[in-house]
Every structure is written in C-alpha cells, then in structure tokens.
Amino acid sequence: QTLSPLPAGSQLPCFHGSSTIRNLKERFHMNMTEEQLQLLVEQMVDGSMRSITTKLYDGFQYLTNGIM
C-alpha cells in the first residue's frame, strides 16, 4: 500500500510545504517490513506502559471521567 499526496492545489493548509508527505511517510514507517513494524509497535507499547506520564494521564482520566 502507498501513501499518495493530495491533488496539486489542495486548499488544506496542513499539506502546504514540500516536507509534509515525506514526514507522514516517516511517521507511518512506510519503509519497514511487517516484522519490523510489529517489533516497533511492541517496543512503543512496552515503553508507554512503563512511562510515568502514561500512569499520570491514566490516573487523571480515572479521576475526571471514570475511565480506566
């Protein structure tokens, strides 16, 4: 699958500039294999689960919205 740019002349300001599509491709890791992506996602989830900011945000959500 590919990430294709919007048609030329798009009026959306977020797509103005030459680096927008390149940055999106980098963010979506379009150059990685399925195995590499799986490892990356597992590492990201593991890092998030051990993060103090995640724990603080989860506590905030629980106290303000009852979400756990």
PDB file of N, CA and C in Angstrom:
ATOM      1  N   GLN A   1       0.841  -1.176   0.000  1.00  0.00           N
ATOM      2  CA  GLN A   1       0.000   0.000   0.000  1.00  0.00           C
ATOM      3  C   GLN A   1       0.882   1.233   0.000  1.00  0.00           C
ATOM      4  N   THR A   2       0.331   2.283  -0.530  1.00  0.00           N
ATOM      5  CA  THR A   2       1.114   3.510  -0.625  1.00  0.00           C
ATOM      6  C   THR A   2       0.374   4.667   0.011  1.00  0.00           C
ATOM      7  N   LEU A   3       1.127   5.681   0.331  1.00  0.00           N
ATOM      8  CA  LEU A   3       0.583   6.936   0.820  1.00  0.00           C
ATOM      9  C   LEU A   3       0.738   7.931  -0.312  1.00  0.00           C
ATOM     10  N   SER A   4      -0.369   8.361  -0.876  1.00  0.00           N
ATOM     11  CA  SER A   4      -0.272   9.275  -2.011  1.00  0.00           C
ATOM     12  C   SER A   4      -0.685  10.676  -1.592  1.00  0.00           C
ATOM     13  N   PRO A   5      -0.010  11.658  -2.145  1.00  0.00           N
ATOM     14  CA  PRO A   5      -0.318  13.051  -1.785  1.00  0.00           C
ATOM     15  C   PRO A   5      -1.680  13.481  -2.319  1.00  0.00           C
ATOM     16  N   LEU A   6      -2.199  14.536  -1.725  1.00  0.00           N
ATOM     17  CA  LEU A   6      -3.439  15.124  -2.218  1.00  0.00           C
ATOM     18  C   LEU A   6      -3.197  15.735  -3.587  1.00  0.00           C
ATOM     19  N   PRO A   7      -4.247  15.913  -4.354  1.00  0.00           N
ATOM     20  CA  PRO A   7      -4.075  16.547  -5.665  1.00  0.00           C
ATOM     21  C   PRO A   7      -3.400  17.912  -5.544  1.00  0.00           C
ATOM     22  N   ALA A   8      -2.672  18.254  -6.565  1.00  0.00           N
ATOM     23  CA  ALA A   8      -1.999  19.558  -6.592  1.00  0.00           C
ATOM     24  C   ALA A   8      -3.028  20.660  -6.404  1.00  0.00           C
ATOM     25  N   GLY A   9      -2.677  21.677  -5.677  1.00  0.00           N
ATOM     26  CA  GLY A   9      -3.577  22.799  -5.454  1.00  0.00           C
ATOM     27  C   GLY A   9      -4.510  22.596  -4.274  1.00  0.00           C
ATOM     28  N   SER A  10      -4.228  21.622  -3.424  1.00  0.00           N
ATOM     29  CA  SER A  10      -5.075  21.393  -2.259  1.00  0.00           C
ATOM     30  C   SER A  10      -5.156  22.665  -1.423  1.00  0.00           C
ATOM     31  N   GLN A  11      -6.326  22.955  -0.911  1.00  0.00           N
ATOM     32  CA  GLN A  11      -6.524  24.147  -0.083  1.00  0.00           C
ATOM     33  C   GLN A  11      -6.283  23.874   1.402  1.00  0.00           C
ATOM     34  N   LEU A  12      -5.979  22.634   1.752  1.00  0.00           N
ATOM     35  CA  LEU A  12      -5.731  22.310   3.150  1.00  0.00           C
ATOM     36  C   LEU A  12      -4.357  22.825   3.567  1.00  0.00           C
ATOM     37  N   PRO A  13      -4.310  23.753   4.520  1.00  0.00           N
ATOM     38  CA  PRO A  13      -3.019  24.344   4.905  1.00  0.00           C
ATOM     39  C   PRO A  13      -2.024  23.327   5.461  1.00  0.00           C
ATOM     40  N   CYS A  14      -2.522  22.242   6.052  1.00  0.00           N
ATOM     41  CA  CYS A  14      -1.599  21.270   6.648  1.00  0.00           C
ATOM     42  C   CYS A  14      -0.790  20.518   5.585  1.00  0.00           C
ATOM     43  N   PHE A  15      -1.220  20.574   4.331  1.00  0.00           N
ATOM     44  CA  PHE A  15      -0.485  19.891   3.274  1.00  0.00           C
ATOM     45  C   PHE A  15       0.360  20.834   2.439  1.00  0.00           C
ATOM     46  N   HIS A  16       0.474  22.071   2.851  1.00  0.00           N
ATOM     47  CA  HIS A  16       1.337  23.014   2.137  1.00  0.00           C
ATOM     48  C   HIS A  16       2.765  22.823   2.624  1.00  0.00           C
ATOM     49  N   GLY A  17       3.673  22.867   1.747  1.00  0.00           N
ATOM     50  CA  GLY A  17       5.074  22.669   2.095  1.00  0.00           C
ATOM     51  C   GLY A  17       5.568  21.362   1.515  1.00  0.00           C
ATOM     52  N   SER A  18       6.804  21.341   1.151  1.00  0.00           N
ATOM     53  CA  SER A  18       7.348  20.187   0.438  1.00  0.00           C
ATOM     54  C   SER A  18       7.637  18.995   1.336  1.00  0.00           C
ATOM     55  N   SER A  19       7.719  19.175   2.629  1.00  0.00           N
ATOM     56  CA  SER A  19       8.115  18.072   3.511  1.00  0.00           C
ATOM     57  C   SER A  19       6.937  17.330   4.139  1.00  0.00           C
ATOM     58  N   THR A  20       5.717  17.767   3.918  1.00  0.00           N
ATOM     59  CA  THR A  20       4.563  17.173   4.591  1.00  0.00           C
ATOM     60  C   THR A  20       4.415  15.685   4.286  1.00  0.00           C
ATOM     61  N   ILE A  21       4.403  15.318   3.032  1.00  0.00           N
ATOM     62  CA  ILE A  21       4.226  13.919   2.654  1.00  0.00           C
ATOM     63  C   ILE A  21       5.415  13.088   3.125  1.00  0.00           C
ATOM     64  N   ARG A  22       6.621  13.621   2.998  1.00  0.00           N
ATOM     65  CA  ARG A  22       7.808  12.900   3.474  1.00  0.00           C
ATOM     66  C   ARG A  22       7.707  12.633   4.976  1.00  0.00           C
ATOM     67  N   ASN A  23       7.276  13.648   5.739  1.00  0.00           N
ATOM     68  CA  ASN A  23       7.134  13.478   7.184  1.00  0.00           C
ATOM     69  C   ASN A  23       6.073  12.441   7.531  1.00  0.00           C
ATOM     70  N   LEU A  24       4.987  12.419   6.776  1.00  0.00           N
ATOM     71  CA  LEU A  24       3.954  11.407   7.012  1.00  0.00           C
ATOM     72  C   LEU A  24       4.488  10.006   6.738  1.00  0.00           C
ATOM     73  N   LYS A  25       5.230   9.856   5.650  1.00  0.00           N
ATOM     74  CA  LYS A  25       5.805   8.550   5.330  1.00  0.00           C
ATOM     75  C   LYS A  25       6.747   8.092   6.440  1.00  0.00           C
ATOM     76  N   GLU A  26       7.535   9.016   6.980  1.00  0.00           N
ATOM     77  CA  GLU A  26       8.435   8.665   8.077  1.00  0.00           C
ATOM     78  C   GLU A  26       7.644   8.271   9.319  1.00  0.00           C
ATOM     79  N   ARG A  27       6.589   9.010   9.619  1.00  0.00           N
ATOM     80  CA  ARG A  27       5.780   8.730  10.795  1.00  0.00           C
ATOM     81  C   ARG A  27       5.096   7.370  10.702  1.00  0.00           C
ATOM     82  N   PHE A  28       4.668   7.007   9.483  1.00  0.00           N
ATOM     83  CA  PHE A  28       3.981   5.728   9.275  1.00  0.00           C
ATOM     84  C   PHE A  28       4.955   4.588   8.993  1.00  0.00           C
ATOM     85  N   HIS A  29       6.257   4.876   8.980  1.00  0.00           N
ATOM     86  CA  HIS A  29       7.296   3.859   8.797  1.00  0.00           C
ATOM     87  C   HIS A  29       7.032   3.024   7.552  1.00  0.00           C
ATOM     88  N   MET A  30       6.787   3.700   6.441  1.00  0.00           N
ATOM     89  CA  MET A  30       6.441   3.045   5.190  1.00  0.00           C
ATOM     90  C   MET A  30       7.578   2.182   4.633  1.00  0.00           C
ATOM     91  N   ASN A  31       8.788   2.371   5.143  1.00  0.00           N
ATOM     92  CA  ASN A  31       9.936   1.631   4.616  1.00  0.00           C
ATOM     93  C   ASN A  31      10.216   0.346   5.397  1.00  0.00           C
ATOM     94  N   MET A  32       9.409   0.023   6.398  1.00  0.00           N
ATOM     95  CA  MET A  32       9.658  -1.147   7.234  1.00  0.00           C
ATOM     96  C   MET A  32       8.853  -2.354   6.766  1.00  0.00           C
ATOM     97  N   THR A  33       9.389  -3.529   7.065  1.00  0.00           N
ATOM     98  CA  THR A  33       8.664  -4.772   6.789  1.00  0.00           C
ATOM     99  C   THR A  33       7.615  -4.982   7.877  1.00  0.00           C
ATOM    100  N   GLU A  34       6.726  -5.931   7.664  1.00  0.00           N
ATOM    101  CA  GLU A  34       5.707  -6.252   8.671  1.00  0.00           C
ATOM    102  C   GLU A  34       6.368  -6.665   9.987  1.00  0.00           C
ATOM    103  N   GLU A  35       7.431  -7.451   9.899  1.00  0.00           N
ATOM    104  CA  GLU A  35       8.119  -7.920  11.103  1.00  0.00           C
ATOM    105  C   GLU A  35       8.751  -6.755  11.862  1.00  0.00           C
ATOM    106  N   GLN A  36       9.367  -5.839  11.120  1.00  0.00           N
ATOM    107  CA  GLN A  36       9.976  -4.664  11.746  1.00  0.00           C
ATOM    108  C   GLN A  36       8.906  -3.793  12.403  1.00  0.00           C
ATOM    109  N   LEU A  37       7.772  -3.628  11.734  1.00  0.00           N
ATOM    110  CA  LEU A  37       6.680  -2.835  12.305  1.00  0.00           C
ATOM    111  C   LEU A  37       6.141  -3.474  13.573  1.00  0.00           C
ATOM    112  N   GLN A  38       5.991  -4.788  13.560  1.00  0.00           N
ATOM    113  CA  GLN A  38       5.490  -5.477  14.740  1.00  0.00           C
ATOM    114  C   GLN A  38       6.425  -5.257  15.929  1.00  0.00           C
ATOM    115  N   LEU A  39       7.722  -5.373  15.715  1.00  0.00           N
ATOM    116  CA  LEU A  39       8.694  -5.144  16.777  1.00  0.00           C
ATOM    117  C   LEU A  39       8.637  -3.698  17.266  1.00  0.00           C
ATOM    118  N   LEU A  40       8.549  -2.747  16.341  1.00  0.00           N
ATOM    119  CA  LEU A  40       8.479  -1.332  16.703  1.00  0.00           C
ATOM    120  C   LEU A  40       7.242  -1.048  17.559  1.00  0.00           C
ATOM    121  N   VAL A  41       6.097  -1.566  17.147  1.00  0.00           N
ATOM    122  CA  VAL A  41       4.861  -1.322  17.896  1.00  0.00           C
ATOM    123  C   VAL A  41       4.954  -1.948  19.278  1.00  0.00           C
ATOM    124  N   GLU A  42       5.484  -3.142  19.364  1.00  0.00           N
ATOM    125  CA  GLU A  42       5.649  -3.787  20.675  1.00  0.00           C
ATOM    126  C   GLU A  42       6.554  -2.958  21.574  1.00  0.00           C
ATOM    127  N   GLN A  43       7.630  -2.412  21.017  1.00  0.00           N
ATOM    128  CA  GLN A  43       8.539  -1.571  21.800  1.00  0.00           C
ATOM    129  C   GLN A  43       7.844  -0.282  22.238  1.00  0.00           C
ATOM    130  N   MET A  44       7.044   0.303  21.364  1.00  0.00           N
ATOM    131  CA  MET A  44       6.328   1.536  21.704  1.00  0.00           C
ATOM    132  C   MET A  44       5.300   1.286  22.817  1.00  0.00           C
ATOM    133  N   VAL A  45       4.558   0.185  22.718  1.00  0.00           N
ATOM    134  CA  VAL A  45       3.560  -0.139  23.737  1.00  0.00           C
ATOM    135  C   VAL A  45       4.249  -0.430  25.064  1.00  0.00           C
ATOM    136  N   ASP A  46       5.328  -1.202  25.028  1.00  0.00           N
ATOM    137  CA  ASP A  46       6.061  -1.507  26.251  1.00  0.00           C
ATOM    138  C   ASP A  46       6.593  -0.239  26.899  1.00  0.00           C
ATOM    139  N   GLY A  47       7.148   0.651  26.112  1.00  0.00           N
ATOM    140  CA  GLY A  47       7.657   1.920  26.642  1.00  0.00           C
ATOM    141  C   GLY A  47       6.544   2.770  27.233  1.00  0.00           C
ATOM    142  N   SER A  48       5.409   2.769  26.581  1.00  0.00           N
ATOM    143  CA  SER A  48       4.268   3.542  27.074  1.00  0.00           C
ATOM    144  C   SER A  48       3.746   2.976  28.387  1.00  0.00           C
ATOM    145  N   MET A  49       3.701   1.659  28.488  1.00  0.00           N
ATOM    146  CA  MET A  49       3.180   1.029  29.707  1.00  0.00           C
ATOM    147  C   MET A  49       4.066   1.326  30.921  1.00  0.00           C
ATOM    148  N   ARG A  50       5.357   1.546  30.690  1.00  0.00           N
ATOM    149  CA  ARG A  50       6.281   1.836  31.791  1.00  0.00           C
ATOM    150  C   ARG A  50       6.478   3.322  32.030  1.00  0.00           C
ATOM    151  N   SER A  51       5.828   4.159  31.241  1.00  0.00           N
ATOM    152  CA  SER A  51       6.029   5.598  31.315  1.00  0.00           C
ATOM    153  C   SER A  51       5.253   6.233  32.467  1.00  0.00           C
ATOM    154  N   ILE A  52       5.899   7.093  33.224  1.00  0.00           N
ATOM    155  CA  ILE A  52       5.236   7.792  34.319  1.00  0.00           C
ATOM    156  C   ILE A  52       4.147   8.727  33.784  1.00  0.00           C
ATOM    157  N   THR A  53       4.380   9.311  32.616  1.00  0.00           N
ATOM    158  CA  THR A  53       3.363  10.210  32.067  1.00  0.00           C
ATOM    159  C   THR A  53       2.103   9.441  31.677  1.00  0.00           C
ATOM    160  N   THR A  54       2.257   8.207  31.212  1.00  0.00           N
ATOM    161  CA  THR A  54       1.080   7.376  30.909  1.00  0.00           C
ATOM    162  C   THR A  54       0.319   7.089  32.188  1.00  0.00           C
ATOM    163  N   LYS A  55       1.030   6.747  33.244  1.00  0.00           N
ATOM    164  CA  LYS A  55       0.372   6.450  34.524  1.00  0.00           C
ATOM    165  C   LYS A  55      -0.343   7.687  35.068  1.00  0.00           C
ATOM    166  N   LEU A  56       0.290   8.837  34.956  1.00  0.00           N
ATOM    167  CA  LEU A  56      -0.349  10.071  35.419  1.00  0.00           C
ATOM    168  C   LEU A  56      -1.599  10.388  34.601  1.00  0.00           C
ATOM    169  N   TYR A  57      -1.513  10.229  33.298  1.00  0.00           N
ATOM    170  CA  TYR A  57      -2.662  10.506  32.438  1.00  0.00           C
ATOM    171  C   TYR A  57      -3.790   9.514  32.713  1.00  0.00           C
ATOM    172  N   ASP A  58      -3.461   8.240  32.903  1.00  0.00           N
ATOM    173  CA  ASP A  58      -4.479   7.247  33.235  1.00  0.00           C
ATOM    174  C   ASP A  58      -5.168   7.608  34.547  1.00  0.00           C
ATOM    175  N   GLY A  59      -4.399   8.063  35.535  1.00  0.00           N
ATOM    176  CA  GLY A  59      -4.987   8.486  36.811  1.00  0.00           C
ATOM    177  C   GLY A  59      -5.903   9.689  36.637  1.00  0.00           C
ATOM    178  N   PHE A  60      -5.490  10.636  35.829  1.00  0.00           N
ATOM    179  CA  PHE A  60      -6.313  11.803  35.535  1.00  0.00           C
ATOM    180  C   PHE A  60      -7.623  11.384  34.884  1.00  0.00           C
ATOM    181  N   GLN A  61      -7.546  10.511  33.894  1.00  0.00           N
ATOM    182  CA  GLN A  61      -8.753  10.040  33.211  1.00  0.00           C
ATOM    183  C   GLN A  61      -9.684   9.311  34.182  1.00  0.00           C
ATOM    184  N   TYR A  62      -9.111   8.531  35.076  1.00  0.00           N
ATOM    185  CA  TYR A  62      -9.927   7.798  36.054  1.00  0.00           C
ATOM    186  C   TYR A  62     -10.639   8.788  36.990  1.00  0.00           C
ATOM    187  N   LEU A  63      -9.894   9.766  37.496  1.00  0.00           N
ATOM    188  CA  LEU A  63     -10.492  10.705  38.445  1.00  0.00           C
ATOM    189  C   LEU A  63     -11.534  11.621  37.800  1.00  0.00           C
ATOM    190  N   THR A  64     -11.280  12.053  36.582  1.00  0.00           N
ATOM    191  CA  THR A  64     -12.188  13.024  35.961  1.00  0.00           C
ATOM    192  C   THR A  64     -13.313  12.375  35.162  1.00  0.00           C
ATOM    193  N   ASN A  65     -13.099  11.179  34.644  1.00  0.00           N
ATOM    194  CA  ASN A  65     -14.096  10.573  33.761  1.00  0.00           C
ATOM    195  C   ASN A  65     -14.483   9.149  34.118  1.00  0.00           C
ATOM    196  N   GLY A  66     -13.837   8.589  35.125  1.00  0.00           N
ATOM    197  CA  GLY A  66     -14.117   7.203  35.494  1.00  0.00           C
ATOM    198  C   GLY A  66     -13.591   6.201  34.478  1.00  0.00           C
ATOM    199  N   ILE A  67     -12.638   6.628  33.651  1.00  0.00           N
ATOM    200  CA  ILE A  67     -12.090   5.761  32.609  1.00  0.00           C
ATOM    201  C   ILE A  67     -10.815   5.112  33.129  1.00  0.00           C
ATOM    202  N   MET A  68     -10.742   3.805  33.026  1.00  0.00           N
ATOM    203  CA  MET A  68      -9.525   3.111  33.423  1.00  0.00           C
ATOM    204  C   MET A  68      -9.076   2.171  32.369  1.00  0.00           C
TER     205      MET A  68
END
